[in-house]
Amino acid sequence: VDGAFPRSPRGALKLARALVAVVAFLCFAASRAPGACTALAVMEAAITALFFLLYLLRLDQRLSRLFWPLADVFNSVVAALFLLVVCLFAVIVKSNNGTLAGGV
């Protein structure tokens, strides 16, 4: 276990991303937003948590056949695009305050 990873900038950024995704999920779930909004927020939190565990347990060094930083960047770009579309949709529709808060 890499005890220094959670205190590193990469580890702190991954924890912050997961926390923001969980908060967005809670806002979407409380407001009974469409399923795509809640599913995307849960999926983003889960994938970020898996990448956090991958680096925390140093599995990226054991599974060296895949270039993990590139996979992480690809995940970040795809997640940012999907979240941008879903959040814009949630802000435009703003059926209630919870959907608006989750979109923001």
C-alpha atoms as a PDB file:
ATOM      1  CA  VAL A   1       0.000   0.000   0.000  1.00  0.00           C
ATOM      2  CA  ASP A   2       1.313   3.414  -0.975  1.00  0.00           C
ATOM      3  CA  GLY A   3       0.549   5.518   2.096  1.00  0.00           C
ATOM      4  CA  ALA A   4       1.814   8.704   0.469  1.00  0.00           C
ATOM      5  CA  PHE A   5      -0.545   8.536  -2.522  1.00  0.00           C
ATOM      6  CA  PRO A   6      -3.642  10.025  -0.797  1.00  0.00           C
ATOM      7  CA  ARG A   7      -1.556  13.023   0.274  1.00  0.00           C
ATOM      8  CA  SER A   8      -0.059  13.547  -3.181  1.00  0.00           C
ATOM      9  CA  PRO A   9      -1.640  16.026  -5.629  1.00  0.00           C
ATOM     10  CA  ARG A  10      -2.861  13.169  -7.858  1.00  0.00           C
ATOM     11  CA  GLY A  11      -4.415  11.362  -4.916  1.00  0.00           C
ATOM     12  CA  ALA A  12      -6.062  14.493  -3.571  1.00  0.00           C
ATOM     13  CA  LEU A  13      -7.446  15.278  -7.032  1.00  0.00           C
ATOM     14  CA  LYS A  14      -8.898  11.769  -7.357  1.00  0.00           C
ATOM     15  CA  LEU A  15     -10.516  12.033  -3.934  1.00  0.00           C
ATOM     16  CA  ALA A  16     -11.954  15.444  -4.833  1.00  0.00           C
ATOM     17  CA  ARG A  17     -13.321  14.101  -8.137  1.00  0.00           C
ATOM     18  CA  ALA A  18     -14.990  11.186  -6.366  1.00  0.00           C
ATOM     19  CA  LEU A  19     -16.426  13.492  -3.709  1.00  0.00           C
ATOM     20  CA  VAL A  20     -17.869  15.876  -6.311  1.00  0.00           C
ATOM     21  CA  ALA A  21     -19.406  12.944  -8.197  1.00  0.00           C
ATOM     22  CA  VAL A  22     -20.988  11.598  -4.995  1.00  0.00           C
ATOM     23  CA  VAL A  23     -22.408  15.049  -4.153  1.00  0.00           C
ATOM     24  CA  ALA A  24     -23.819  15.342  -7.688  1.00  0.00           C
ATOM     25  CA  PHE A  25     -25.337  11.872  -7.327  1.00  0.00           C
ATOM     26  CA  LEU A  26     -26.958  12.800  -4.021  1.00  0.00           C
ATOM     27  CA  CYS A  27     -28.423  15.966  -5.532  1.00  0.00           C
ATOM     28  CA  PHE A  28     -29.727  14.092  -8.570  1.00  0.00           C
ATOM     29  CA  ALA A  29     -31.113  11.247  -6.469  1.00  0.00           C
ATOM     30  CA  ALA A  30     -32.836  13.577  -4.006  1.00  0.00           C
ATOM     31  CA  SER A  31     -34.473  15.516  -6.823  1.00  0.00           C
ATOM     32  CA  ARG A  32     -35.573  12.372  -8.675  1.00  0.00           C
ATOM     33  CA  ALA A  33     -33.706  13.470 -11.798  1.00  0.00           C
ATOM     34  CA  PRO A  34     -33.709  11.300 -14.927  1.00  0.00           C
ATOM     35  CA  GLY A  35     -31.828   8.022 -14.629  1.00  0.00           C
ATOM     36  CA  ALA A  36     -29.004   9.109 -16.936  1.00  0.00           C
ATOM     37  CA  CYS A  37     -27.966  11.870 -14.536  1.00  0.00           C
ATOM     38  CA  THR A  38     -27.782   9.651 -11.489  1.00  0.00           C
ATOM     39  CA  ALA A  39     -26.236   6.732 -13.367  1.00  0.00           C
ATOM     40  CA  LEU A  40     -23.481   8.898 -14.822  1.00  0.00           C
ATOM     41  CA  ALA A  41     -22.656  10.405 -11.427  1.00  0.00           C
ATOM     42  CA  VAL A  42     -22.476   6.943  -9.818  1.00  0.00           C
ATOM     43  CA  MET A  43     -20.390   5.604 -12.687  1.00  0.00           C
ATOM     44  CA  GLU A  44     -17.938   8.500 -12.438  1.00  0.00           C
ATOM     45  CA  ALA A  45     -17.581   8.048  -8.674  1.00  0.00           C
ATOM     46  CA  ALA A  46     -17.032   4.300  -9.052  1.00  0.00           C
ATOM     47  CA  ILE A  47     -14.463   4.579 -11.856  1.00  0.00           C
ATOM     48  CA  THR A  48     -12.563   7.298 -10.010  1.00  0.00           C
ATOM     49  CA  ALA A  49     -12.561   5.164  -6.854  1.00  0.00           C
ATOM     50  CA  LEU A  50     -11.230   2.201  -8.842  1.00  0.00           C
ATOM     51  CA  PHE A  51      -8.401   4.284 -10.293  1.00  0.00           C
ATOM     52  CA  PHE A  52      -7.674   5.582  -6.775  1.00  0.00           C
ATOM     53  CA  LEU A  53      -7.454   2.002  -5.474  1.00  0.00           C
ATOM     54  CA  LEU A  54      -5.330   1.004  -8.453  1.00  0.00           C
ATOM     55  CA  TYR A  55      -2.725   3.620  -7.593  1.00  0.00           C
ATOM     56  CA  LEU A  56      -3.111   3.214  -3.817  1.00  0.00           C
ATOM     57  CA  LEU A  57      -2.428  -0.529  -3.957  1.00  0.00           C
ATOM     58  CA  ARG A  58       0.304  -0.042  -6.595  1.00  0.00           C
ATOM     59  CA  LEU A  59      -1.457  -2.369  -9.003  1.00  0.00           C
ATOM     60  CA  ASP A  60      -0.394  -0.143 -11.880  1.00  0.00           C
ATOM     61  CA  GLN A  61       3.160  -1.409 -11.359  1.00  0.00           C
ATOM     62  CA  ARG A  62       2.092  -5.054 -11.287  1.00  0.00           C
ATOM     63  CA  LEU A  63      -0.192  -4.754 -14.312  1.00  0.00           C
ATOM     64  CA  SER A  64       2.351  -3.101 -16.545  1.00  0.00           C
ATOM     65  CA  ARG A  65       0.916  -4.220 -19.887  1.00  0.00           C
ATOM     66  CA  LEU A  66      -1.383  -1.198 -19.973  1.00  0.00           C
ATOM     67  CA  PHE A  67      -0.109   2.362 -19.742  1.00  0.00           C
ATOM     68  CA  TRP A  68      -2.270   3.424 -16.782  1.00  0.00           C
ATOM     69  CA  PRO A  69      -1.647   7.184 -16.870  1.00  0.00           C
ATOM     70  CA  LEU A  70      -2.936   7.293 -20.449  1.00  0.00           C
ATOM     71  CA  ALA A  71      -5.995   5.236 -19.470  1.00  0.00           C
ATOM     72  CA  ASP A  72      -6.570   7.641 -16.588  1.00  0.00           C
ATOM     73  CA  VAL A  73      -6.327  10.687 -18.868  1.00  0.00           C
ATOM     74  CA  PHE A  74      -8.684   9.067 -21.389  1.00  0.00           C
ATOM     75  CA  ASN A  75     -11.158   8.335 -18.586  1.00  0.00           C
ATOM     76  CA  SER A  76     -10.916  11.923 -17.366  1.00  0.00           C
ATOM     77  CA  VAL A  77     -11.569  13.394 -20.818  1.00  0.00           C
ATOM     78  CA  VAL A  78     -14.516  11.107 -21.572  1.00  0.00           C
ATOM     79  CA  ALA A  79     -16.015  11.637 -18.108  1.00  0.00           C
ATOM     80  CA  ALA A  80     -15.632  15.417 -18.404  1.00  0.00           C
ATOM     81  CA  LEU A  81     -17.430  15.430 -21.757  1.00  0.00           C
ATOM     82  CA  PHE A  82     -20.273  13.210 -20.530  1.00  0.00           C
ATOM     83  CA  LEU A  83     -20.651  15.167 -17.299  1.00  0.00           C
ATOM     84  CA  LEU A  84     -20.634  18.450 -19.208  1.00  0.00           C
ATOM     85  CA  VAL A  85     -23.489  17.287 -21.439  1.00  0.00           C
ATOM     86  CA  VAL A  86     -25.532  15.850 -18.570  1.00  0.00           C
ATOM     87  CA  CYS A  87     -24.963  18.856 -16.326  1.00  0.00           C
ATOM     88  CA  LEU A  88     -25.889  21.292 -19.094  1.00  0.00           C
ATOM     89  CA  PHE A  89     -29.041  19.268 -19.668  1.00  0.00           C
ATOM     90  CA  ALA A  90     -29.830  19.349 -15.948  1.00  0.00           C
ATOM     91  CA  VAL A  91     -29.253  23.111 -15.721  1.00  0.00           C
ATOM     92  CA  ILE A  92     -31.364  23.815 -18.823  1.00  0.00           C
ATOM     93  CA  VAL A  93     -34.257  21.589 -17.719  1.00  0.00           C
ATOM     94  CA  LYS A  94     -33.973  22.524 -13.993  1.00  0.00           C
ATOM     95  CA  SER A  95     -37.178  20.715 -13.057  1.00  0.00           C
ATOM     96  CA  ASN A  96     -36.451  21.517  -9.406  1.00  0.00           C
ATOM     97  CA  ASN A  97     -33.680  22.914  -7.191  1.00  0.00           C
ATOM     98  CA  GLY A  98     -32.005  19.525  -6.630  1.00  0.00           C
ATOM     99  CA  THR A  99     -31.554  18.955 -10.351  1.00  0.00           C
ATOM    100  CA  LEU A 100     -30.169  22.466 -10.699  1.00  0.00           C
ATOM    101  CA  ALA A 101     -27.740  21.899  -7.791  1.00  0.00           C
ATOM    102  CA  GLY A 102     -26.599  18.566  -9.234  1.00  0.00           C
ATOM    103  CA  GLY A 103     -26.020  20.168 -12.608  1.00  0.00           C
ATOM    104  CA  VAL A 104     -23.971  22.976 -11.165  1.00  0.00           C
END
